[in-house]
Amino acid sequence: MPAEADKLLVALDVASLAEAEKLLERLAGVLTGCKIGSQLFTAAGPAAVERAQKRGFRVFLDLKYHDIPNTVAGAVREATRLGVFMLNVHGS
């Protein structure tokens, strides 16, 4: 697989796990990473991350954590237990 495949993520900005899986199936072997945001994660939960990883995709969990520090720390800890390779934290 070309190194360029590691530089591009597909945004799984869809409403259901079934739609996400269709995209992942079409892009398997072409890309190696995906972004799971609030819409899909709210609809499917950690299963969205697990399904993408099972298909060989690295996952950027784009939930824009922003809350009191202890809450953010706990959420980030749980996200890392899911095995995501990247996430984002918003601070002010």
Protein backbone atom coordinates (compact mmCIF):
# COMPACT_ATOMS: atom_id res chain seq x y z
CA MET A 1 0.00 0.00 0.00
CA PRO A 2 1.42 3.43 -0.90
CA ALA A 3 2.59 5.71 1.90
CA GLU A 4 0.03 8.29 0.72
CA ALA A 5 -2.71 5.98 2.03
CA ASP A 6 -1.49 6.73 5.56
CA LYS A 7 -1.80 10.49 5.07
CA LEU A 8 -5.48 10.67 4.18
CA LEU A 9 -8.44 9.82 6.42
CA VAL A 10 -11.98 9.22 5.27
CA ALA A 11 -14.58 11.07 7.34
CA LEU A 12 -17.29 8.66 8.40
CA ASP A 13 -19.82 11.47 8.78
CA VAL A 14 -22.82 9.21 8.33
CA ALA A 15 -25.90 8.42 10.40
CA SER A 16 -25.50 4.68 10.87
CA LEU A 17 -22.99 1.92 11.34
CA ALA A 18 -24.30 0.24 8.17
CA GLU A 19 -23.47 3.33 6.10
CA ALA A 20 -20.03 3.56 7.70
CA GLU A 21 -19.32 -0.07 6.93
CA LYS A 22 -20.24 0.43 3.27
CA LEU A 23 -17.71 3.26 3.03
CA LEU A 24 -15.04 1.25 4.82
CA GLU A 25 -15.63 -1.71 2.54
CA ARG A 26 -15.24 0.46 -0.56
CA LEU A 27 -12.04 2.06 0.74
CA ALA A 28 -10.32 -1.00 2.23
CA GLY A 29 -6.92 -1.35 0.59
CA VAL A 30 -7.01 2.26 -0.61
CA LEU A 31 -6.88 4.14 2.71
CA THR A 32 -5.71 3.12 6.16
CA GLY A 33 -7.40 5.68 8.40
CA CYS A 34 -10.80 7.12 9.19
CA LYS A 35 -12.39 9.82 11.31
CA ILE A 36 -15.35 9.02 13.53
CA GLY A 37 -17.20 12.08 14.74
CA SER A 38 -20.11 12.90 17.01
CA GLN A 39 -22.89 11.78 14.67
CA LEU A 40 -21.68 8.24 14.09
CA PHE A 41 -20.32 7.78 17.61
CA THR A 42 -23.64 8.86 19.10
CA ALA A 43 -25.53 6.50 16.78
CA ALA A 44 -23.27 3.46 17.12
CA GLY A 45 -20.99 4.03 20.10
CA PRO A 46 -17.70 2.19 20.51
CA ALA A 47 -18.89 -0.40 17.97
CA ALA A 48 -18.07 2.14 15.24
CA VAL A 49 -14.45 2.26 16.38
CA GLU A 50 -14.25 -1.51 16.75
CA ARG A 51 -15.67 -2.19 13.27
CA ALA A 52 -13.27 0.24 11.61
CA GLN A 53 -10.31 -1.27 13.44
CA LYS A 54 -11.45 -4.79 12.56
CA ARG A 55 -11.24 -3.78 8.89
CA GLY A 56 -7.68 -2.52 9.45
CA PHE A 57 -8.37 1.21 9.71
CA ARG A 58 -6.64 3.50 12.19
CA VAL A 59 -9.25 5.67 13.93
CA PHE A 60 -9.18 9.40 14.68
CA LEU A 61 -11.93 9.91 17.24
CA ASP A 62 -13.19 13.44 16.57
CA LEU A 63 -15.39 14.14 19.59
CA LYS A 64 -13.84 17.51 20.48
CA TYR A 65 -13.59 16.83 24.20
CA HIS A 66 -14.28 20.02 26.13
CA ASP A 67 -15.41 19.88 29.75
CA ILE A 68 -13.95 20.13 33.23
CA PRO A 69 -10.44 18.64 33.34
CA ASN A 70 -11.35 15.46 35.27
CA THR A 71 -14.17 14.66 32.85
CA VAL A 72 -11.94 15.20 29.82
CA ALA A 73 -9.19 13.07 31.39
CA GLY A 74 -11.64 10.23 31.95
CA ALA A 75 -13.03 10.45 28.43
CA VAL A 76 -9.53 10.48 26.91
CA ARG A 77 -8.52 7.49 29.04
CA GLU A 78 -11.52 5.53 27.74
CA ALA A 79 -10.85 6.57 24.14
CA THR A 80 -7.27 5.32 24.39
CA ARG A 81 -8.59 2.00 25.73
CA LEU A 82 -10.56 1.75 22.49
CA GLY A 83 -7.26 1.94 20.65
CA VAL A 84 -7.79 5.15 18.69
CA PHE A 85 -4.59 6.61 17.26
CA MET A 86 -5.67 10.23 17.58
CA LEU A 87 -8.33 12.35 19.29
CA ASN A 88 -8.83 16.02 19.91
CA VAL A 89 -9.26 18.10 23.04
CA HIS A 90 -10.55 21.67 22.98
CA GLY A 91 -9.28 23.97 25.69
CA SER A 92 -10.03 27.50 26.73
